[in-house]
């Protein structure tokens, strides 16, 4: 099974109480593009590293299963998610990336005439 070669990990705050000067809900406070190392992490999922983050990511669910940020575990009150726009798909890796219309460039060219 082929796994995506990179992901963008986004860190979001999830404060329990409103905090002044906290980022707006849904605003990532940090991001990093991580690349596949070719190794399997301690969690049993493919291991990715980059930009100060190390992660084991489940390629089937696109879930971050284990994460170190600058060598430390994720702080309480933060959550990690995979960005939709970087998430590599087999379709993109095959060179048939979809354009803004929801169709591949080849499919779009056939309808433009």
Protein backbone atom coordinates (compact mmCIF):
# COMPACT_ATOMS: atom_id res chain seq x y z
CA UNK A 1 0.00 0.00 0.00
CA UNK A 2 1.32 3.41 -0.96
CA UNK A 3 1.26 6.10 1.72
CA UNK A 4 1.25 9.87 1.14
CA UNK A 5 4.78 11.26 1.08
CA UNK A 6 3.89 14.37 3.08
CA UNK A 7 1.22 15.96 5.22
CA UNK A 8 0.71 19.37 6.75
CA UNK A 9 0.03 19.13 10.48
CA UNK A 10 -1.92 21.97 12.09
CA UNK A 11 -1.96 22.65 15.84
CA UNK A 12 -5.12 24.19 17.26
CA UNK A 13 -5.79 25.54 20.76
CA UNK A 14 -8.79 24.21 22.59
CA UNK A 15 -9.08 26.37 25.71
CA UNK A 16 -11.60 25.25 28.29
CA UNK A 17 -12.27 28.84 29.37
CA UNK A 18 -12.25 31.97 27.22
CA UNK A 19 -8.81 33.56 27.23
CA UNK A 20 -8.13 37.16 26.19
CA UNK A 21 -5.89 37.50 23.16
CA UNK A 22 -6.36 33.81 22.32
CA UNK A 23 -6.56 32.95 18.62
CA UNK A 24 -10.06 32.75 17.18
CA UNK A 25 -11.62 29.27 17.25
CA UNK A 26 -10.44 27.26 14.27
CA UNK A 27 -7.22 29.25 13.88
CA UNK A 28 -4.07 27.13 13.77
CA UNK A 29 -1.29 28.43 15.99
CA UNK A 30 1.42 26.39 14.28
CA UNK A 31 1.83 24.24 11.22
CA UNK A 32 4.51 22.02 9.76
CA UNK A 33 4.90 20.02 6.59
CA UNK A 34 6.21 16.59 7.50
CA UNK A 35 7.70 14.09 5.06
CA UNK A 36 7.66 10.30 5.18
CA UNK A 37 10.82 8.75 6.62
CA UNK A 38 10.10 5.28 5.28
CA UNK A 39 10.06 3.95 8.84
CA UNK A 40 7.22 2.73 11.01
CA UNK A 41 6.74 4.65 14.25
CA UNK A 42 6.25 3.21 17.73
CA UNK A 43 2.47 3.39 17.23
CA UNK A 44 2.71 1.07 14.21
CA UNK A 45 1.89 3.76 11.65
CA UNK A 46 4.17 5.42 9.07
CA UNK A 47 6.57 7.96 10.60
CA UNK A 48 6.89 11.54 9.28
CA UNK A 49 9.26 14.36 10.27
CA UNK A 50 9.82 18.00 9.41
CA UNK A 51 9.81 21.57 10.69
CA UNK A 52 10.27 20.57 14.34
CA UNK A 53 7.54 17.91 14.36
CA UNK A 54 7.69 14.12 14.37
CA UNK A 55 4.45 12.22 13.83
CA UNK A 56 3.03 8.78 13.27
CA UNK A 57 0.05 9.17 10.94
CA UNK A 58 -2.65 6.64 10.05
CA UNK A 59 -2.84 6.92 6.24
CA UNK A 60 -6.33 5.36 6.12
CA UNK A 61 -8.00 7.88 8.44
CA UNK A 62 -5.45 10.73 8.14
CA UNK A 63 -5.24 10.82 11.92
CA UNK A 64 -2.17 11.90 13.88
CA UNK A 65 -1.58 8.92 16.18
CA UNK A 66 1.61 10.15 17.90
CA UNK A 67 3.27 13.57 17.86
CA UNK A 68 6.36 15.32 19.19
CA UNK A 69 6.69 19.08 18.78
CA UNK A 70 10.24 20.37 19.18
CA UNK A 71 11.09 17.05 20.87
CA UNK A 72 8.28 17.22 23.47
CA UNK A 73 4.80 15.76 23.70
CA UNK A 74 1.90 17.96 22.66
CA UNK A 75 0.83 20.39 25.38
CA UNK A 76 -2.51 19.88 27.10
CA UNK A 77 -5.16 22.03 25.44
CA UNK A 78 -3.75 21.60 21.93
CA UNK A 79 -4.97 19.28 19.23
CA UNK A 80 -3.32 18.21 15.98
CA UNK A 81 -5.10 17.81 12.66
CA UNK A 82 -4.07 17.13 9.09
CA UNK A 83 -4.64 19.98 6.63
CA UNK A 84 -6.94 19.07 3.75
CA UNK A 85 -4.97 20.92 1.09
CA UNK A 86 -1.65 19.08 1.55
CA UNK A 87 -3.05 15.63 2.15
CA UNK A 88 -1.59 13.62 -0.73
CA UNK A 89 -3.95 11.23 -2.47
CA UNK A 90 -3.19 8.39 -4.80
CA UNK A 91 -4.94 10.46 -7.49
CA UNK A 92 -2.58 13.42 -6.95
CA UNK A 93 0.47 11.16 -6.77
CA UNK A 94 -0.59 9.60 -10.08
CA UNK A 95 -0.48 13.06 -11.67
CA UNK A 96 -4.23 13.55 -12.07
CA UNK A 97 -4.64 16.34 -9.56
CA UNK A 98 -8.05 17.99 -9.67
CA UNK A 99 -8.32 21.63 -10.68
CA UNK A 100 -10.71 24.15 -9.09
CA UNK A 101 -13.69 22.74 -11.04
CA UNK A 102 -13.56 19.35 -9.34
CA UNK A 103 -12.33 17.79 -12.57
CA UNK A 104 -8.84 16.88 -13.64
CA UNK A 105 -7.22 19.19 -16.18
CA UNK A 106 -7.65 16.44 -18.80
CA UNK A 107 -11.37 16.09 -18.04
CA UNK A 108 -11.77 19.90 -18.16
CA UNK A 109 -9.98 20.18 -21.52
CA UNK A 110 -12.49 17.78 -23.05
CA UNK A 111 -15.40 20.01 -22.05
CA UNK A 112 -13.89 23.36 -23.04
CA UNK A 113 -14.42 22.96 -26.79
